[in-house]
Amino acid sequence: MTNIKIQDENLAKKLLAVRDICGFTADYLVLNLHHFESKPEQYIIYNLSSNLNRSVKSIEIELISRGLHCQDRPYCSSSFENLSYLDVDLVALVKDYIAQKSTSKKQNEGKARNLVRQLHR
């Protein structure tokens, strides 16, 4: 096996991993879009998801041009096993954001109930 062929295979594996990460992240963000209450937040998350989906399609086109057909191929969950090169864990970040919004909402509901009780005294 030539060195160039090995390099091509390694590049294809890395491109597949990036495709899977982008695809998983885009799907995850869209799935949780309803947790983002304001229109600007939803717009930003939807835009990010759309850009990630475009990246997935661009990578798939590159892989097809290299002879590896991956369209409609499911994302591989093991792609997330080695994310040490990323500075941020996007999934954890979204989970934290959702948890903070939920906690904040509960606190505001409690404050509103107390305020209503005080008004009715």
C-alpha atoms as a PDB file:
ATOM      1  CA  MET A   1       0.000   0.000   0.000  1.00  0.00           C
ATOM      2  CA  THR A   2       1.461   3.349  -0.981  1.00  0.00           C
ATOM      3  CA  ASN A   3       2.013   6.186   1.420  1.00  0.00           C
ATOM      4  CA  ILE A   4      -0.371   8.436  -0.548  1.00  0.00           C
ATOM      5  CA  LYS A   5      -3.168   5.875  -0.345  1.00  0.00           C
ATOM      6  CA  ILE A   6      -2.697   5.585   3.448  1.00  0.00           C
ATOM      7  CA  GLN A   7      -2.797   9.383   3.755  1.00  0.00           C
ATOM      8  CA  ASP A   8      -5.992   9.479   1.673  1.00  0.00           C
ATOM      9  CA  GLU A   9      -7.603   6.840   3.879  1.00  0.00           C
ATOM     10  CA  ASN A  10      -6.595   8.726   7.038  1.00  0.00           C
ATOM     11  CA  LEU A  11      -7.970  11.953   5.612  1.00  0.00           C
ATOM     12  CA  ALA A  12     -11.217  10.213   4.667  1.00  0.00           C
ATOM     13  CA  LYS A  13     -11.580   8.840   8.229  1.00  0.00           C
ATOM     14  CA  LYS A  14     -11.000  12.295   9.701  1.00  0.00           C
ATOM     15  CA  LEU A  15     -13.441  13.882   7.264  1.00  0.00           C
ATOM     16  CA  LEU A  16     -16.033  11.258   8.192  1.00  0.00           C
ATOM     17  CA  ALA A  17     -15.507  12.014  11.893  1.00  0.00           C
ATOM     18  CA  VAL A  18     -15.902  15.757  11.299  1.00  0.00           C
ATOM     19  CA  ARG A  19     -19.013  15.087   9.190  1.00  0.00           C
ATOM     20  CA  ASP A  20     -20.505  12.994  11.991  1.00  0.00           C
ATOM     21  CA  ILE A  21     -19.682  15.554  14.684  1.00  0.00           C
ATOM     22  CA  CYS A  22     -21.174  18.397  12.633  1.00  0.00           C
ATOM     23  CA  GLY A  23     -24.240  16.329  11.798  1.00  0.00           C
ATOM     24  CA  PHE A  24     -24.843  15.166  15.367  1.00  0.00           C
ATOM     25  CA  THR A  25     -24.400  18.708  16.672  1.00  0.00           C
ATOM     26  CA  ALA A  26     -26.754  20.222  14.089  1.00  0.00           C
ATOM     27  CA  ASP A  27     -29.426  17.604  14.837  1.00  0.00           C
ATOM     28  CA  TYR A  28     -28.965  18.068  18.588  1.00  0.00           C
ATOM     29  CA  LEU A  29     -29.324  21.838  18.365  1.00  0.00           C
ATOM     30  CA  VAL A  30     -32.461  21.667  16.227  1.00  0.00           C
ATOM     31  CA  LEU A  31     -33.956  19.044  18.536  1.00  0.00           C
ATOM     32  CA  ASN A  32     -33.477  21.401  21.490  1.00  0.00           C
ATOM     33  CA  LEU A  33     -34.436  24.602  19.675  1.00  0.00           C
ATOM     34  CA  HIS A  34     -37.689  24.874  21.646  1.00  0.00           C
ATOM     35  CA  HIS A  35     -35.671  25.398  24.857  1.00  0.00           C
ATOM     36  CA  PHE A  36     -34.416  28.704  23.490  1.00  0.00           C
ATOM     37  CA  GLU A  37     -37.263  31.067  24.284  1.00  0.00           C
ATOM     38  CA  SER A  38     -36.400  34.311  22.564  1.00  0.00           C
ATOM     39  CA  LYS A  39     -36.544  34.692  18.806  1.00  0.00           C
ATOM     40  CA  PRO A  40     -32.950  36.027  18.556  1.00  0.00           C
ATOM     41  CA  GLU A  41     -31.640  32.964  20.450  1.00  0.00           C
ATOM     42  CA  GLN A  42     -33.645  30.602  18.249  1.00  0.00           C
ATOM     43  CA  TYR A  43     -32.451  32.409  15.135  1.00  0.00           C
ATOM     44  CA  ILE A  44     -28.788  32.112  16.200  1.00  0.00           C
ATOM     45  CA  ILE A  45     -29.099  28.412  17.073  1.00  0.00           C
ATOM     46  CA  TYR A  46     -31.012  27.665  13.865  1.00  0.00           C
ATOM     47  CA  ASN A  47     -28.353  29.535  11.856  1.00  0.00           C
ATOM     48  CA  LEU A  48     -25.588  27.580  13.567  1.00  0.00           C
ATOM     49  CA  SER A  49     -27.405  24.331  12.852  1.00  0.00           C
ATOM     50  CA  SER A  50     -27.911  25.302   9.200  1.00  0.00           C
ATOM     51  CA  ASN A  51     -24.224  26.156   8.820  1.00  0.00           C
ATOM     52  CA  LEU A  52     -23.225  22.831  10.362  1.00  0.00           C
ATOM     53  CA  ASN A  53     -25.583  21.015   7.979  1.00  0.00           C
ATOM     54  CA  ARG A  54     -24.013  22.848   5.026  1.00  0.00           C
ATOM     55  CA  SER A  55     -20.608  21.742   6.296  1.00  0.00           C
ATOM     56  CA  VAL A  56     -21.861  18.144   6.412  1.00  0.00           C
ATOM     57  CA  LYS A  57     -22.990  18.372   2.770  1.00  0.00           C
ATOM     58  CA  SER A  58     -19.676  19.932   1.695  1.00  0.00           C
ATOM     59  CA  ILE A  59     -17.730  17.170   3.433  1.00  0.00           C
ATOM     60  CA  GLU A  60     -19.960  14.512   1.862  1.00  0.00           C
ATOM     61  CA  ILE A  61     -19.323  15.991  -1.582  1.00  0.00           C
ATOM     62  CA  GLU A  62     -15.571  15.898  -0.900  1.00  0.00           C
ATOM     63  CA  LEU A  63     -15.764  12.293   0.262  1.00  0.00           C
ATOM     64  CA  ILE A  64     -17.827  11.280  -2.778  1.00  0.00           C
ATOM     65  CA  SER A  65     -15.225  12.896  -5.025  1.00  0.00           C
ATOM     66  CA  ARG A  66     -12.671  10.643  -3.291  1.00  0.00           C
ATOM     67  CA  GLY A  67     -14.789   7.558  -4.012  1.00  0.00           C
ATOM     68  CA  LEU A  68     -16.350   7.165  -0.561  1.00  0.00           C
ATOM     69  CA  HIS A  69     -20.150   7.370  -0.704  1.00  0.00           C
ATOM     70  CA  CYS A  70     -21.548   8.465   2.633  1.00  0.00           C
ATOM     71  CA  GLN A  71     -24.779  10.265   1.785  1.00  0.00           C
ATOM     72  CA  ASP A  72     -27.684   8.941   3.847  1.00  0.00           C
ATOM     73  CA  ARG A  73     -25.157   6.954   5.878  1.00  0.00           C
ATOM     74  CA  PRO A  74     -26.014   7.282   9.591  1.00  0.00           C
ATOM     75  CA  TYR A  75     -23.679   9.268  11.799  1.00  0.00           C
ATOM     76  CA  CYS A  76     -21.236   7.215  13.822  1.00  0.00           C
ATOM     77  CA  SER A  77     -21.581   7.894  17.551  1.00  0.00           C
ATOM     78  CA  SER A  78     -17.965   6.873  18.192  1.00  0.00           C
ATOM     79  CA  SER A  79     -16.891  10.110  16.457  1.00  0.00           C
ATOM     80  CA  PHE A  80     -17.382  11.835  19.805  1.00  0.00           C
ATOM     81  CA  GLU A  81     -14.901   9.567  21.600  1.00  0.00           C
ATOM     82  CA  ASN A  82     -11.872  11.723  20.771  1.00  0.00           C
ATOM     83  CA  LEU A  83     -12.833  15.375  21.033  1.00  0.00           C
ATOM     84  CA  SER A  84      -9.782  16.487  22.987  1.00  0.00           C
ATOM     85  CA  TYR A  85      -8.888  18.918  20.189  1.00  0.00           C
ATOM     86  CA  LEU A  86     -12.083  20.941  20.735  1.00  0.00           C
ATOM     87  CA  ASP A  87     -11.927  23.875  23.116  1.00  0.00           C
ATOM     88  CA  VAL A  88     -15.621  23.645  23.970  1.00  0.00           C
ATOM     89  CA  ASP A  89     -18.062  20.809  24.526  1.00  0.00           C
ATOM     90  CA  LEU A  90     -21.035  22.131  22.587  1.00  0.00           C
ATOM     91  CA  VAL A  91     -23.438  19.444  23.779  1.00  0.00           C
ATOM     92  CA  ALA A  92     -22.575  20.088  27.437  1.00  0.00           C
ATOM     93  CA  LEU A  93     -22.808  23.822  26.829  1.00  0.00           C
ATOM     94  CA  VAL A  94     -26.347  23.493  25.443  1.00  0.00           C
ATOM     95  CA  LYS A  95     -27.339  21.177  28.311  1.00  0.00           C
ATOM     96  CA  ASP A  96     -26.003  23.702  30.841  1.00  0.00           C
ATOM     97  CA  TYR A  97     -27.850  26.503  29.105  1.00  0.00           C
ATOM     98  CA  ILE A  98     -31.130  24.536  29.144  1.00  0.00           C
ATOM     99  CA  ALA A  99     -30.663  23.702  32.837  1.00  0.00           C
ATOM    100  CA  GLN A 100     -29.938  27.358  33.674  1.00  0.00           C
ATOM    101  CA  LYS A 101     -33.023  28.518  31.769  1.00  0.00           C
ATOM    102  CA  SER A 102     -35.171  25.941  33.559  1.00  0.00           C
ATOM    103  CA  THR A 103     -33.819  26.954  36.988  1.00  0.00           C
ATOM    104  CA  SER A 104     -34.284  30.631  36.177  1.00  0.00           C
ATOM    105  CA  LYS A 105     -37.850  29.999  35.007  1.00  0.00           C
ATOM    106  CA  LYS A 106     -38.709  28.133  38.230  1.00  0.00           C
ATOM    107  CA  GLN A 107     -37.208  30.927  40.356  1.00  0.00           C
ATOM    108  CA  ASN A 108     -39.178  33.552  38.446  1.00  0.00           C
ATOM    109  CA  GLU A 109     -42.381  31.541  38.861  1.00  0.00           C
ATOM    110  CA  GLY A 110     -41.737  31.355  42.615  1.00  0.00           C
ATOM    111  CA  LYS A 111     -41.126  35.115  42.779  1.00  0.00           C
ATOM    112  CA  ALA A 112     -44.307  35.746  40.789  1.00  0.00           C
ATOM    113  CA  ARG A 113     -46.363  33.569  43.183  1.00  0.00           C
ATOM    114  CA  ASN A 114     -44.942  35.416  46.188  1.00  0.00           C
ATOM    115  CA  LEU A 115     -45.711  38.760  44.577  1.00  0.00           C
ATOM    116  CA  VAL A 116     -49.294  37.707  43.801  1.00  0.00           C
ATOM    117  CA  ARG A 117     -49.743  36.492  47.402  1.00  0.00           C
ATOM    118  CA  GLN A 118     -48.477  39.808  48.733  1.00  0.00           C
ATOM    119  CA  LEU A 119     -50.827  41.740  46.457  1.00  0.00           C
ATOM    120  CA  HIS A 120     -53.852  39.737  47.632  1.00  0.00           C
ATOM    121  CA  ARG A 121     -53.167  40.298  51.357  1.00  0.00           C
END
